[in-house]
N, C-alpha and C. Protein backbone atom coordinates (compact mmCIF):
# COMPACT_ATOMS: atom_id res chain seq x y z
N MET A 1 133.00 167.91 88.31
CA MET A 1 134.14 167.43 89.09
C MET A 1 134.46 168.44 90.18
N ALA A 2 134.67 167.95 91.39
CA ALA A 2 134.95 168.84 92.53
C ALA A 2 136.33 169.48 92.39
N LEU A 3 136.46 170.65 92.96
CA LEU A 3 137.73 171.41 92.89
C LEU A 3 138.90 170.57 93.36
N LEU A 4 138.77 169.89 94.48
CA LEU A 4 139.91 169.11 94.99
C LEU A 4 140.24 167.92 94.10
N ASP A 5 139.23 167.39 93.41
CA ASP A 5 139.52 166.32 92.42
C ASP A 5 140.34 166.88 91.28
N LEU A 6 140.05 168.08 90.86
CA LEU A 6 140.82 168.70 89.78
C LEU A 6 142.23 169.03 90.22
N VAL A 7 142.40 169.47 91.47
CA VAL A 7 143.72 169.72 92.02
C VAL A 7 144.54 168.41 91.99
N GLY A 8 143.90 167.33 92.41
CA GLY A 8 144.58 166.01 92.37
C GLY A 8 144.94 165.59 90.97
N PHE A 9 144.03 165.86 90.03
CA PHE A 9 144.29 165.55 88.63
C PHE A 9 145.53 166.26 88.11
N VAL A 10 145.66 167.54 88.42
CA VAL A 10 146.82 168.30 87.96
C VAL A 10 148.08 167.77 88.66
N LYS A 11 148.03 167.50 89.93
CA LYS A 11 149.22 167.08 90.69
C LYS A 11 149.69 165.68 90.27
N ARG A 12 148.78 164.83 89.84
CA ARG A 12 149.16 163.43 89.49
C ARG A 12 150.07 163.37 88.28
N GLY A 13 149.98 164.28 87.37
CA GLY A 13 150.81 164.25 86.19
C GLY A 13 151.98 165.20 86.29
N GLN A 14 153.19 164.68 86.31
CA GLN A 14 154.36 165.52 86.46
C GLN A 14 154.44 166.57 85.33
N ASN A 15 154.32 166.14 84.11
CA ASN A 15 154.38 167.07 82.96
C ASN A 15 153.16 167.96 82.95
N ARG A 16 151.99 167.38 83.25
CA ARG A 16 150.74 168.17 83.27
C ARG A 16 150.87 169.31 84.28
N LYS A 17 151.43 169.07 85.43
CA LYS A 17 151.57 170.10 86.47
C LYS A 17 152.56 171.19 86.02
N LYS A 18 153.69 170.77 85.43
CA LYS A 18 154.66 171.74 84.93
C LYS A 18 154.02 172.67 83.89
N ILE A 19 153.30 172.05 82.99
CA ILE A 19 152.72 172.84 81.88
C ILE A 19 151.60 173.74 82.40
N PHE A 20 150.78 173.21 83.29
CA PHE A 20 149.70 174.02 83.88
C PHE A 20 150.27 175.24 84.60
N LEU A 21 151.30 175.05 85.39
CA LEU A 21 151.87 176.15 86.16
C LEU A 21 152.62 177.14 85.24
N ALA A 22 153.21 176.62 84.16
CA ALA A 22 153.97 177.50 83.24
C ALA A 22 153.02 178.37 82.39
N LEU A 23 151.80 177.98 82.28
CA LEU A 23 150.83 178.74 81.47
C LEU A 23 150.34 179.97 82.27
N ASP A 24 151.24 180.95 82.41
CA ASP A 24 150.94 182.12 83.22
C ASP A 24 150.37 183.26 82.40
N LYS A 25 150.32 183.07 81.07
CA LYS A 25 149.74 184.06 80.17
C LYS A 25 149.33 183.26 78.92
N PRO A 26 148.53 183.83 78.01
CA PRO A 26 148.17 183.09 76.79
C PRO A 26 149.46 182.71 76.02
N MET A 27 149.57 181.42 75.71
CA MET A 27 150.77 180.90 75.05
C MET A 27 150.44 179.81 74.04
N MET A 28 151.35 179.65 73.07
CA MET A 28 151.25 178.56 72.13
C MET A 28 152.03 177.36 72.69
N PRO A 29 151.72 176.14 72.23
CA PRO A 29 152.46 174.97 72.71
C PRO A 29 153.98 175.08 72.52
N SER A 30 154.39 175.64 71.40
CA SER A 30 155.85 175.77 71.17
C SER A 30 156.50 176.69 72.17
N GLU A 31 155.78 177.72 72.59
CA GLU A 31 156.33 178.64 73.62
C GLU A 31 156.45 177.94 74.96
N LEU A 32 155.45 177.14 75.29
CA LEU A 32 155.49 176.38 76.52
C LEU A 32 156.66 175.38 76.53
N MET A 33 156.84 174.74 75.39
CA MET A 33 157.88 173.74 75.26
C MET A 33 159.25 174.38 75.52
N ARG A 34 159.49 175.52 74.90
CA ARG A 34 160.77 176.22 75.10
C ARG A 34 160.92 176.73 76.55
N LYS A 35 159.84 177.21 77.12
CA LYS A 35 159.89 177.74 78.48
C LYS A 35 160.20 176.66 79.51
N ILE A 36 159.59 175.50 79.33
CA ILE A 36 159.74 174.42 80.32
C ILE A 36 161.00 173.60 80.07
N TYR A 37 161.15 173.15 78.86
CA TYR A 37 162.20 172.18 78.56
C TYR A 37 163.44 172.73 77.87
N ASN A 38 163.38 173.97 77.39
CA ASN A 38 164.47 174.54 76.61
C ASN A 38 164.89 173.68 75.42
N LYS A 39 163.93 173.00 74.85
CA LYS A 39 164.18 172.12 73.71
C LYS A 39 163.08 172.32 72.67
N THR A 40 163.34 171.85 71.45
CA THR A 40 162.35 172.00 70.39
C THR A 40 162.09 170.70 69.64
N SER A 41 162.34 169.55 70.28
CA SER A 41 162.14 168.27 69.58
C SER A 41 160.65 167.87 69.58
N ASN A 42 160.30 166.96 68.70
CA ASN A 42 158.94 166.48 68.60
C ASN A 42 158.50 165.74 69.87
N THR A 43 159.43 165.10 70.54
CA THR A 43 159.10 164.39 71.78
C THR A 43 158.52 165.34 72.80
N TYR A 44 159.19 166.48 73.02
CA TYR A 44 158.69 167.44 73.98
C TYR A 44 157.43 168.10 73.51
N PHE A 45 157.31 168.33 72.20
CA PHE A 45 156.07 168.92 71.68
C PHE A 45 154.92 168.00 71.93
N ASN A 46 155.11 166.68 71.76
CA ASN A 46 154.04 165.72 72.03
C ASN A 46 153.66 165.70 73.51
N LEU A 47 154.62 165.80 74.40
CA LEU A 47 154.32 165.86 75.83
C LEU A 47 153.43 167.07 76.15
N VAL A 48 153.82 168.19 75.61
CA VAL A 48 153.09 169.46 75.86
C VAL A 48 151.67 169.35 75.26
N SER A 49 151.58 168.88 74.04
CA SER A 49 150.27 168.78 73.40
C SER A 49 149.32 167.84 74.12
N ARG A 50 149.84 166.70 74.58
CA ARG A 50 149.00 165.75 75.31
C ARG A 50 148.52 166.36 76.60
N ALA A 51 149.38 167.02 77.35
CA ALA A 51 149.00 167.63 78.64
C ALA A 51 147.97 168.75 78.37
N LEU A 52 148.17 169.55 77.33
CA LEU A 52 147.18 170.62 77.04
C LEU A 52 145.82 170.01 76.70
N THR A 53 145.80 168.93 75.97
CA THR A 53 144.53 168.28 75.65
C THR A 53 143.82 167.78 76.92
N GLU A 54 144.59 167.16 77.80
CA GLU A 54 144.00 166.65 79.06
C GLU A 54 143.44 167.80 79.91
N LEU A 55 144.22 168.89 79.99
CA LEU A 55 143.75 170.05 80.77
C LEU A 55 142.53 170.70 80.14
N LYS A 56 142.50 170.71 78.83
CA LYS A 56 141.36 171.31 78.11
C LYS A 56 140.10 170.47 78.32
N GLU A 57 140.23 169.16 78.33
CA GLU A 57 139.09 168.27 78.56
C GLU A 57 138.46 168.46 79.94
N LYS A 58 139.27 168.85 80.91
CA LYS A 58 138.79 169.11 82.26
C LYS A 58 138.35 170.59 82.45
N LYS A 59 138.43 171.34 81.33
CA LYS A 59 138.01 172.74 81.34
C LYS A 59 138.86 173.65 82.23
N LEU A 60 140.15 173.26 82.41
CA LEU A 60 141.08 174.06 83.19
C LEU A 60 141.77 175.09 82.31
N ILE A 61 141.85 174.82 81.00
CA ILE A 61 142.41 175.76 80.04
C ILE A 61 141.47 175.79 78.86
N GLU A 62 141.64 176.81 78.01
CA GLU A 62 140.83 176.95 76.83
C GLU A 62 141.69 177.43 75.68
N VAL A 63 141.20 177.19 74.48
CA VAL A 63 141.90 177.70 73.26
C VAL A 63 141.28 179.05 72.92
N VAL A 64 142.13 180.05 72.81
CA VAL A 64 141.69 181.41 72.54
C VAL A 64 141.25 181.55 71.08
N ASN A 65 141.94 180.83 70.20
CA ASN A 65 141.65 180.91 68.74
C ASN A 65 141.36 179.51 68.17
N PRO A 66 140.18 178.95 68.53
CA PRO A 66 139.90 177.54 68.17
C PRO A 66 139.81 177.25 66.67
N LYS A 67 139.61 178.25 65.84
CA LYS A 67 139.47 177.98 64.42
C LYS A 67 140.82 177.78 63.73
N GLU A 68 141.88 178.18 64.41
CA GLU A 68 143.24 178.02 63.84
C GLU A 68 143.67 176.57 63.95
N LYS A 69 144.27 176.04 62.90
CA LYS A 69 144.83 174.68 62.93
C LYS A 69 146.23 174.69 63.50
N THR A 70 146.99 175.72 63.21
CA THR A 70 148.36 175.84 63.80
C THR A 70 148.42 177.17 64.55
N GLY A 71 149.33 177.22 65.49
CA GLY A 71 149.46 178.47 66.26
C GLY A 71 148.33 178.70 67.24
N ARG A 72 147.75 177.62 67.76
CA ARG A 72 146.68 177.81 68.75
C ARG A 72 147.26 178.40 70.04
N ILE A 73 146.47 179.24 70.65
CA ILE A 73 146.89 179.92 71.87
C ILE A 73 146.02 179.43 73.01
N TYR A 74 146.66 179.02 74.09
CA TYR A 74 145.94 178.47 75.26
C TYR A 74 146.07 179.43 76.42
N GLN A 75 145.02 179.46 77.26
CA GLN A 75 145.03 180.24 78.48
C GLN A 75 144.23 179.50 79.54
N LYS A 76 144.47 179.85 80.81
CA LYS A 76 143.69 179.22 81.88
C LYS A 76 142.29 179.80 81.92
N THR A 77 141.35 178.96 82.27
CA THR A 77 139.95 179.39 82.47
C THR A 77 139.84 179.87 83.91
N GLN A 78 138.69 180.37 84.28
CA GLN A 78 138.44 180.82 85.66
C GLN A 78 138.60 179.60 86.59
N LEU A 79 138.07 178.45 86.15
CA LEU A 79 138.20 177.23 86.95
C LEU A 79 139.67 176.87 87.12
N GLY A 80 140.46 177.01 86.05
CA GLY A 80 141.87 176.73 86.13
C GLY A 80 142.60 177.65 87.12
N LYS A 81 142.19 178.89 87.15
CA LYS A 81 142.79 179.82 88.11
C LYS A 81 142.45 179.43 89.55
N GLU A 82 141.23 178.95 89.77
CA GLU A 82 140.81 178.49 91.09
C GLU A 82 141.63 177.28 91.51
N VAL A 83 141.85 176.33 90.56
CA VAL A 83 142.66 175.16 90.85
C VAL A 83 144.07 175.55 91.20
N GLN A 84 144.64 176.48 90.46
CA GLN A 84 146.01 176.91 90.73
C GLN A 84 146.16 177.49 92.13
N LYS A 85 145.13 178.19 92.61
CA LYS A 85 145.22 178.73 93.97
C LYS A 85 145.34 177.64 95.03
N ASN A 86 144.83 176.42 94.68
CA ASN A 86 144.81 175.33 95.64
C ASN A 86 145.96 174.33 95.47
N LEU A 87 146.85 174.62 94.56
CA LEU A 87 148.00 173.67 94.34
C LEU A 87 149.06 173.89 95.41
């Protein structure tokens, strides 16, 4: 997928863009949820989890500890950093 297509992909999703930009260091979904929404409900956790999954499928972020079932830590890939420069 071309770089500009990925930029468009991130921009098209309001929550996806917020979460992508908030991921400025390795973080768990619960940390992102508190940072962005200041809430801890399941609704917001589901929003964050879905956006992380979409970003991971496009290889914009990666899981640092993939063997863990809970407490997974996400960070931007090199491709993700390139996309962020173009937002």
